[in-house]
Amino acid sequence: MWSKLTAMMLVLAVMATGLAMAATTLNGAGATFPQPLYNKWFYDFNKQTGIQVNYQGIGSGGGIKALKANTVHFAGSDAPLFGTELTSMPGKVLQLPTCGGAVSLAYNLSGANKQLRLSPSTLAGIFLGQIKNWSDPKVKAENPGMNLPNRAITVIHRSDGSGTTHLFTSYLAAVSPTWKTQVGAGKEVKWPCGEGGKGNPGVAGLIKNIPGSIGYVELVYAAQNRLPVALIKNRGGRYINPSLASTTAAIRGALRLLKADVRSSIVNPSGADAYPICGLTFIFVYQDQSDATIQAALVKLLNWCMSDYAQKTAEKYYYASLPAELIAINKALIATIK
């Protein structure tokens, strides 16, 4: 009798734990760069587990501030934490890459008969405000036979603290000494020219509505808004289209560095097929959790994001899946959440 009662109590305890887990809600905020994928991931995760995941795309900077204030359970960011920004957090933060993405240069040029081609120096010149018109000789020289209008260039950039901005300005600082000394790299910079939009959706919306504009957005936002994107000249001298394949090539080219530190930059990589403006996007989470139910739900979510299903879904949304080596590193870190 006692053994049957004990077994029944154990079954009820397991059932209660499962119900508590199913009723759990996780809250996250941060980068808009991966938001289209996260929306899909968290919807599917909820269907499979019953755990609700709410995610607000408020920019990487906003997500980091929310995590620091303990108003969310996790943050999304395309800019890893280093130095005082990391040590000033109230607990040990695990930085887990979830996928890779390309920062595309979307533009609005009606009547263009070819895909725009831009070298690093020309791209930097446009965002520095030195190249002001689409008929500039430098733009024309890179685009022979393309119908380029005599129209002013309107630069579109982010107005909020942004990991996408961090990736893009890190690239410009890597390829342009002038940009490096005059503007620099970061989630927020003092832009030499242009108009600001909030989040990747805001930037894409401005580009779509302003003739003659050009701006930087994660590739899926250009695809969703049917905006053409420029071919960017890489270190190998080839003009490369932002794509799943060229993003994967960039990650593979930097794998040795990433295995040593997943926060390593992969902008302007070597490799003939690598797109030069790529990066990993991260979920930040505290290693020590005060609530056992939340801890269990976070571990379940993060391991699910590393699953074959989740990573293959990423590719359908123009994001590059993680190499097996990085997934193994992530799983080892997830196992330390307590």
Protein backbone atom coordinates (compact mmCIF):
# COMPACT_ATOMS: atom_id res chain seq x y z
CA MET A 1 0.00 0.00 0.00
CA TRP A 2 2.76 2.39 0.98
CA SER A 3 4.64 1.77 -2.27
CA LYS A 4 1.49 2.41 -4.31
CA LEU A 5 0.80 5.62 -2.41
CA THR A 6 4.39 6.76 -2.86
CA ALA A 7 4.25 6.02 -6.58
CA MET A 8 0.98 7.94 -6.89
CA MET A 9 2.48 10.92 -5.07
CA LEU A 10 5.47 10.88 -7.37
CA VAL A 11 3.20 10.81 -10.43
CA LEU A 12 1.18 13.74 -9.07
CA ALA A 13 4.39 15.66 -8.35
CA VAL A 14 5.64 15.11 -11.89
CA MET A 15 2.25 16.17 -13.29
CA ALA A 16 2.27 19.29 -11.14
CA THR A 17 5.76 20.17 -12.34
CA GLY A 18 4.68 19.72 -15.95
CA LEU A 19 1.63 21.93 -15.44
CA ALA A 20 3.73 24.62 -13.77
CA MET A 21 6.20 24.51 -16.64
CA ALA A 22 3.40 24.74 -19.21
CA ALA A 23 1.98 27.81 -17.43
CA THR A 24 5.37 29.53 -17.30
CA THR A 25 5.92 32.74 -19.23
CA LEU A 26 9.38 33.94 -20.25
CA ASN A 27 9.95 37.57 -21.17
CA GLY A 28 12.71 38.80 -23.43
CA ALA A 29 13.59 42.00 -25.27
CA GLY A 30 16.29 43.40 -27.50
CA ALA A 31 17.58 43.14 -31.04
CA THR A 32 15.24 43.55 -34.01
CA PHE A 33 17.90 41.89 -36.20
CA PRO A 34 16.68 38.33 -35.34
CA GLN A 35 13.08 39.24 -34.45
CA PRO A 36 11.38 37.66 -37.50
CA LEU A 37 13.08 34.37 -36.66
CA TYR A 38 12.44 34.68 -32.91
CA ASN A 39 8.75 35.28 -33.55
CA LYS A 40 8.60 31.99 -35.43
CA TRP A 41 10.81 30.12 -32.96
CA PHE A 42 8.89 31.21 -29.89
CA TYR A 43 5.53 30.48 -31.51
CA ASP A 44 6.64 26.95 -32.38
CA PHE A 45 8.26 26.47 -28.96
CA ASN A 46 5.01 27.42 -27.26
CA LYS A 47 3.04 24.98 -29.43
CA GLN A 48 5.43 22.17 -28.57
CA THR A 49 5.94 22.87 -24.85
CA GLY A 50 3.14 25.13 -23.62
CA ILE A 51 5.72 27.65 -22.38
CA GLN A 52 4.87 31.20 -23.46
CA VAL A 53 7.76 33.39 -24.65
CA ASN A 54 7.15 37.12 -25.10
CA TYR A 55 9.81 39.04 -27.03
CA GLN A 56 9.89 42.78 -27.68
CA GLY A 57 12.13 44.12 -30.44
CA ILE A 58 13.38 47.33 -28.82
CA GLY A 59 16.97 47.25 -30.07
CA SER A 60 20.04 45.60 -28.59
CA GLY A 61 20.76 48.55 -26.32
CA GLY A 62 17.27 48.48 -24.87
CA GLY A 63 17.41 44.73 -24.32
CA ILE A 64 20.71 44.96 -22.43
CA LYS A 65 19.29 47.73 -20.21
CA ALA A 66 16.18 45.64 -19.50
CA LEU A 67 18.28 42.60 -18.54
CA LYS A 68 20.46 44.76 -16.31
CA ALA A 69 17.32 46.06 -14.57
CA ASN A 70 16.00 42.48 -14.23
CA THR A 71 12.77 43.34 -16.04
CA VAL A 72 13.24 40.51 -18.56
CA HIS A 73 14.48 36.93 -18.31
CA PHE A 74 16.75 37.22 -21.35
CA ALA A 75 17.99 39.81 -23.82
CA GLY A 76 18.67 39.66 -27.55
CA SER A 77 21.70 41.48 -28.94
CA ASP A 78 23.86 41.51 -32.06
CA ALA A 79 26.62 43.24 -30.09
CA PRO A 80 28.41 41.03 -27.53
CA LEU A 81 29.30 42.37 -24.12
CA PHE A 82 32.89 43.24 -23.22
CA GLY A 83 34.72 45.13 -20.50
CA THR A 84 32.80 47.36 -18.11
CA GLU A 85 29.52 46.78 -19.96
CA LEU A 86 29.84 43.12 -19.00
CA THR A 87 31.27 43.52 -15.49
CA SER A 88 28.64 46.12 -14.56
CA MET A 89 25.83 43.58 -14.99
CA PRO A 90 24.39 42.40 -11.63
CA GLY A 91 25.24 38.75 -12.30
CA LYS A 92 27.31 36.52 -14.55
CA VAL A 93 25.91 36.74 -18.09
CA LEU A 94 26.11 33.86 -20.54
CA GLN A 95 26.37 35.03 -24.16
CA LEU A 96 24.88 32.42 -26.46
CA PRO A 97 24.94 32.90 -30.25
CA THR A 98 21.70 31.69 -31.83
CA CYS A 99 22.31 32.14 -35.57
CA GLY A 100 24.13 34.31 -38.11
CA GLY A 101 22.81 37.07 -40.30
CA ALA A 102 23.84 39.51 -43.01
CA VAL A 103 23.53 43.29 -42.82
CA SER A 104 22.34 44.23 -46.28
CA LEU A 105 22.47 47.62 -47.98
CA ALA A 106 18.93 48.13 -49.25
CA TYR A 107 18.16 50.99 -51.62
CA ASN A 108 15.37 52.75 -53.50
CA LEU A 109 16.35 53.56 -57.08
CA SER A 110 13.40 53.40 -59.45
CA GLY A 111 14.37 52.57 -63.01
CA ALA A 112 17.62 50.86 -62.04
CA ASN A 113 18.34 48.17 -64.62
CA LYS A 114 21.10 46.39 -62.68
CA GLN A 115 21.92 45.43 -59.13
CA LEU A 116 23.95 48.13 -57.40
CA ARG A 117 27.63 47.36 -56.72
CA LEU A 118 29.54 49.09 -53.93
CA SER A 119 33.17 48.88 -52.83
CA PRO A 120 34.13 49.51 -49.19
CA SER A 121 35.50 52.98 -49.99
CA THR A 122 32.40 54.03 -51.91
CA LEU A 123 30.07 52.71 -49.22
CA ALA A 124 32.01 54.56 -46.52
CA GLY A 125 32.00 57.70 -48.68
CA ILE A 126 28.20 57.56 -48.94
CA PHE A 127 27.67 57.18 -45.18
CA LEU A 128 30.29 59.84 -44.43
CA GLY A 129 28.32 62.26 -46.60
CA GLN A 130 31.21 62.67 -49.03
CA ILE A 131 29.37 61.03 -51.94
CA LYS A 132 26.09 62.92 -52.16
CA ASN A 133 24.58 62.01 -55.53
CA TRP A 134 23.87 58.73 -57.34
CA SER A 135 25.54 60.16 -60.43
CA ASP A 136 28.85 60.60 -58.60
CA PRO A 137 31.78 59.35 -60.76
CA LYS A 138 32.84 56.86 -58.06
CA VAL A 139 29.43 55.18 -58.05
CA LYS A 140 29.28 55.21 -61.84
CA ALA A 141 32.74 53.68 -62.16
CA GLU A 142 31.64 50.64 -60.14
CA ASN A 143 28.36 50.30 -62.01
CA PRO A 144 29.02 50.49 -65.75
CA GLY A 145 25.85 50.31 -67.80
CA MET A 146 23.57 50.95 -64.83
CA ASN A 147 20.93 53.66 -65.03
CA LEU A 148 22.00 55.91 -62.17
CA PRO A 149 19.85 59.04 -61.72
CA ASN A 150 21.04 62.56 -61.03
CA ARG A 151 19.41 62.37 -57.61
CA ALA A 152 20.60 63.20 -54.11
CA ILE A 153 21.45 60.23 -51.92
CA THR A 154 19.45 60.01 -48.68
CA VAL A 155 21.26 57.94 -46.08
CA ILE A 156 19.04 56.01 -43.66
CA HIS A 157 20.44 54.77 -40.36
CA ARG A 158 19.20 53.60 -36.99
CA SER A 159 17.99 56.12 -34.42
CA ASP A 160 18.13 53.70 -31.47
CA GLY A 161 20.89 51.72 -29.76
CA SER A 162 21.37 48.84 -32.16
CA GLY A 163 23.41 45.70 -32.59
CA THR A 164 22.83 46.01 -36.34
CA THR A 165 24.50 49.41 -36.12
CA HIS A 166 27.34 47.81 -34.15
CA LEU A 167 27.89 45.27 -36.95
CA PHE A 168 27.66 47.83 -39.74
CA THR A 169 29.88 50.46 -38.12
CA SER A 170 32.40 47.78 -37.11
CA TYR A 171 32.66 46.89 -40.77
CA LEU A 172 33.07 50.52 -41.86
CA ALA A 173 35.73 51.05 -39.19
CA ALA A 174 37.56 47.96 -40.46
CA VAL A 175 37.64 49.11 -44.09
CA SER A 176 37.81 52.90 -43.81
CA PRO A 177 40.49 54.69 -41.75
CA THR A 178 38.48 57.92 -42.08
CA TRP A 179 35.38 56.29 -40.66
CA LYS A 180 37.40 54.71 -37.85
CA THR A 181 38.88 58.04 -36.72
CA GLN A 182 35.89 60.33 -37.37
CA VAL A 183 32.92 58.13 -36.40
CA GLY A 184 34.05 54.79 -34.96
CA ALA A 185 32.00 51.70 -34.15
CA GLY A 186 29.28 51.04 -31.62
CA LYS A 187 25.61 50.43 -30.97
CA GLU A 188 25.15 54.20 -31.23
CA VAL A 189 27.36 56.65 -33.16
CA LYS A 190 27.18 60.28 -34.21
CA TRP A 191 26.10 59.95 -37.83
CA PRO A 192 27.71 62.39 -40.28
CA CYS A 193 24.51 62.56 -42.34
CA GLY A 194 21.12 61.03 -42.99
CA GLU A 195 17.79 60.25 -41.35
CA GLY A 196 17.14 57.82 -38.50
CA GLY A 197 14.59 55.02 -38.23
CA LYS A 198 13.72 52.98 -35.15
CA GLY A 199 14.61 49.33 -35.45
CA ASN A 200 15.20 47.36 -38.61
CA PRO A 201 11.48 47.78 -39.50
CA GLY A 202 11.75 51.56 -39.20
CA VAL A 203 14.83 51.75 -41.43
CA ALA A 204 13.26 49.46 -44.04
CA GLY A 205 10.09 51.56 -44.01
CA LEU A 206 11.99 54.80 -44.64
CA ILE A 207 13.98 53.27 -47.50
CA LYS A 208 10.78 51.99 -49.08
CA ASN A 209 9.16 55.43 -48.92
CA ILE A 210 12.08 57.72 -49.82
CA PRO A 211 13.27 57.67 -53.46
CA GLY A 212 17.05 57.82 -53.73
CA SER A 213 17.60 56.38 -50.26
CA ILE A 214 19.99 53.71 -49.03
CA GLY A 215 20.28 52.13 -45.59
CA TYR A 216 21.37 49.04 -43.70
CA VAL A 217 18.98 46.33 -42.52
CA GLU A 218 19.13 42.64 -41.70
CA LEU A 219 18.54 40.74 -44.93
CA VAL A 220 15.09 39.39 -44.06
CA TYR A 221 13.72 42.95 -43.72
CA ALA A 222 14.86 43.79 -47.25
CA ALA A 223 13.23 40.60 -48.51
CA GLN A 224 9.98 41.25 -46.65
CA ASN A 225 9.78 44.79 -48.07
CA ARG A 226 10.87 43.71 -51.56
CA LEU A 227 13.80 46.10 -51.49
CA PRO A 228 16.81 45.48 -53.74
CA VAL A 229 20.14 45.04 -51.99
CA ALA A 230 23.63 45.99 -53.12
CA LEU A 231 26.47 43.65 -53.99
CA ILE A 232 29.37 44.51 -51.67
CA LYS A 233 33.01 44.01 -52.65
CA ASN A 234 34.72 41.62 -50.23
CA ARG A 235 38.36 41.20 -49.24
CA GLY A 236 38.88 38.82 -52.14
CA GLY A 237 37.87 41.54 -54.61
CA ARG A 238 34.52 39.94 -55.52
CA TYR A 239 31.15 41.68 -55.39
CA ILE A 240 29.05 39.42 -53.14
CA ASN A 241 25.31 39.20 -52.72
CA PRO A 242 24.05 38.95 -49.11
CA SER A 243 22.56 35.48 -48.86
CA LEU A 244 22.34 32.41 -46.69
CA ALA A 245 25.30 30.86 -48.51
CA SER A 246 27.56 33.92 -48.30
CA THR A 247 26.70 34.41 -44.60
CA THR A 248 27.52 30.76 -43.89
CA ALA A 249 30.82 31.21 -45.73
CA ALA A 250 31.66 34.18 -43.50
CA ILE A 251 30.94 32.20 -40.32
CA ARG A 252 32.94 29.21 -41.56
CA GLY A 253 35.83 31.50 -42.43
CA ALA A 254 35.93 32.79 -38.85
CA LEU A 255 35.26 29.46 -37.12
CA ARG A 256 38.73 29.18 -35.59
CA LEU A 257 38.28 32.56 -33.88
CA LEU A 258 34.71 31.77 -32.84
CA LYS A 259 35.71 28.49 -31.24
CA ALA A 260 38.17 30.44 -29.08
CA ASP A 261 35.63 33.17 -28.27
CA VAL A 262 32.08 33.21 -29.69
CA ARG A 263 32.13 37.01 -29.38
CA SER A 264 34.78 37.32 -32.10
CA SER A 265 33.95 39.65 -34.96
CA ILE A 266 33.33 38.10 -38.37
CA VAL A 267 33.05 41.33 -40.37
CA ASN A 268 35.28 41.67 -43.43
CA PRO A 269 36.39 38.01 -43.35
CA SER A 270 38.68 36.23 -45.75
CA GLY A 271 37.13 33.80 -48.18
CA ALA A 272 36.23 34.26 -51.82
CA ASP A 273 32.51 33.59 -51.25
CA ALA A 274 32.07 35.39 -47.92
CA TYR A 275 29.77 38.38 -47.64
CA PRO A 276 31.71 41.05 -45.73
CA ILE A 277 29.02 42.45 -43.37
CA CYS A 278 27.87 39.52 -41.24
CA GLY A 279 27.59 38.75 -37.59
CA LEU A 280 26.19 36.39 -35.00
CA THR A 281 23.20 37.39 -32.92
CA PHE A 282 23.06 36.45 -29.23
CA ILE A 283 20.77 35.68 -26.36
CA PHE A 284 22.07 36.92 -23.01
CA VAL A 285 20.91 35.19 -19.84
CA TYR A 286 22.07 35.16 -16.23
CA GLN A 287 23.83 31.98 -15.19
CA ASP A 288 22.25 32.11 -11.72
CA GLN A 289 18.46 32.14 -11.60
CA SER A 290 16.43 32.83 -8.45
CA ASP A 291 13.36 30.89 -9.58
CA ALA A 292 13.64 27.16 -10.30
CA THR A 293 10.65 27.15 -12.66
CA ILE A 294 12.08 30.02 -14.71
CA GLN A 295 15.49 28.34 -14.72
CA ALA A 296 14.02 25.10 -16.06
CA ALA A 297 12.00 26.95 -18.72
CA LEU A 298 15.04 28.95 -19.87
CA VAL A 299 17.17 25.82 -20.14
CA LYS A 300 14.43 24.13 -22.14
CA LEU A 301 14.06 27.14 -24.47
CA LEU A 302 17.77 27.61 -25.07
CA ASN A 303 18.38 23.93 -25.77
CA TRP A 304 15.39 23.97 -28.12
CA CYS A 305 16.96 26.90 -30.03
CA MET A 306 20.01 24.68 -30.59
CA SER A 307 17.91 21.83 -32.00
CA ASP A 308 18.06 20.70 -35.62
CA TYR A 309 14.48 21.85 -36.10
CA ALA A 310 15.17 25.39 -34.88
CA GLN A 311 18.42 25.76 -36.81
CA LYS A 312 16.85 24.51 -40.05
CA THR A 313 13.97 26.94 -39.52
CA ALA A 314 16.53 29.74 -39.27
CA GLU A 315 17.69 29.07 -42.81
CA LYS A 316 14.14 29.50 -44.14
CA TYR A 317 14.20 33.04 -42.73
CA TYR A 318 17.55 34.02 -44.36
CA TYR A 319 19.59 33.37 -41.18
CA ALA A 320 22.59 31.07 -41.19
CA SER A 321 22.47 28.09 -38.85
CA LEU A 322 25.25 27.63 -36.33
CA PRO A 323 28.10 25.22 -36.99
CA ALA A 324 28.04 22.09 -34.81
CA GLU A 325 31.11 23.34 -32.95
CA LEU A 326 29.28 26.46 -31.70
CA ILE A 327 26.15 24.51 -30.80
CA ALA A 328 28.31 22.25 -28.62
CA ILE A 329 29.83 25.29 -26.88
CA ASN A 330 26.35 26.71 -26.26
CA LYS A 331 24.99 23.45 -24.84
CA ALA A 332 27.86 23.24 -22.40
CA LEU A 333 27.11 26.79 -21.19
CA ILE A 334 23.34 26.15 -20.98
CA ALA A 335 24.05 23.20 -18.70
CA THR A 336 25.62 25.61 -16.17
CA ILE A 337 22.43 27.66 -15.69
CA LYS A 338 21.25 26.97 -12.16
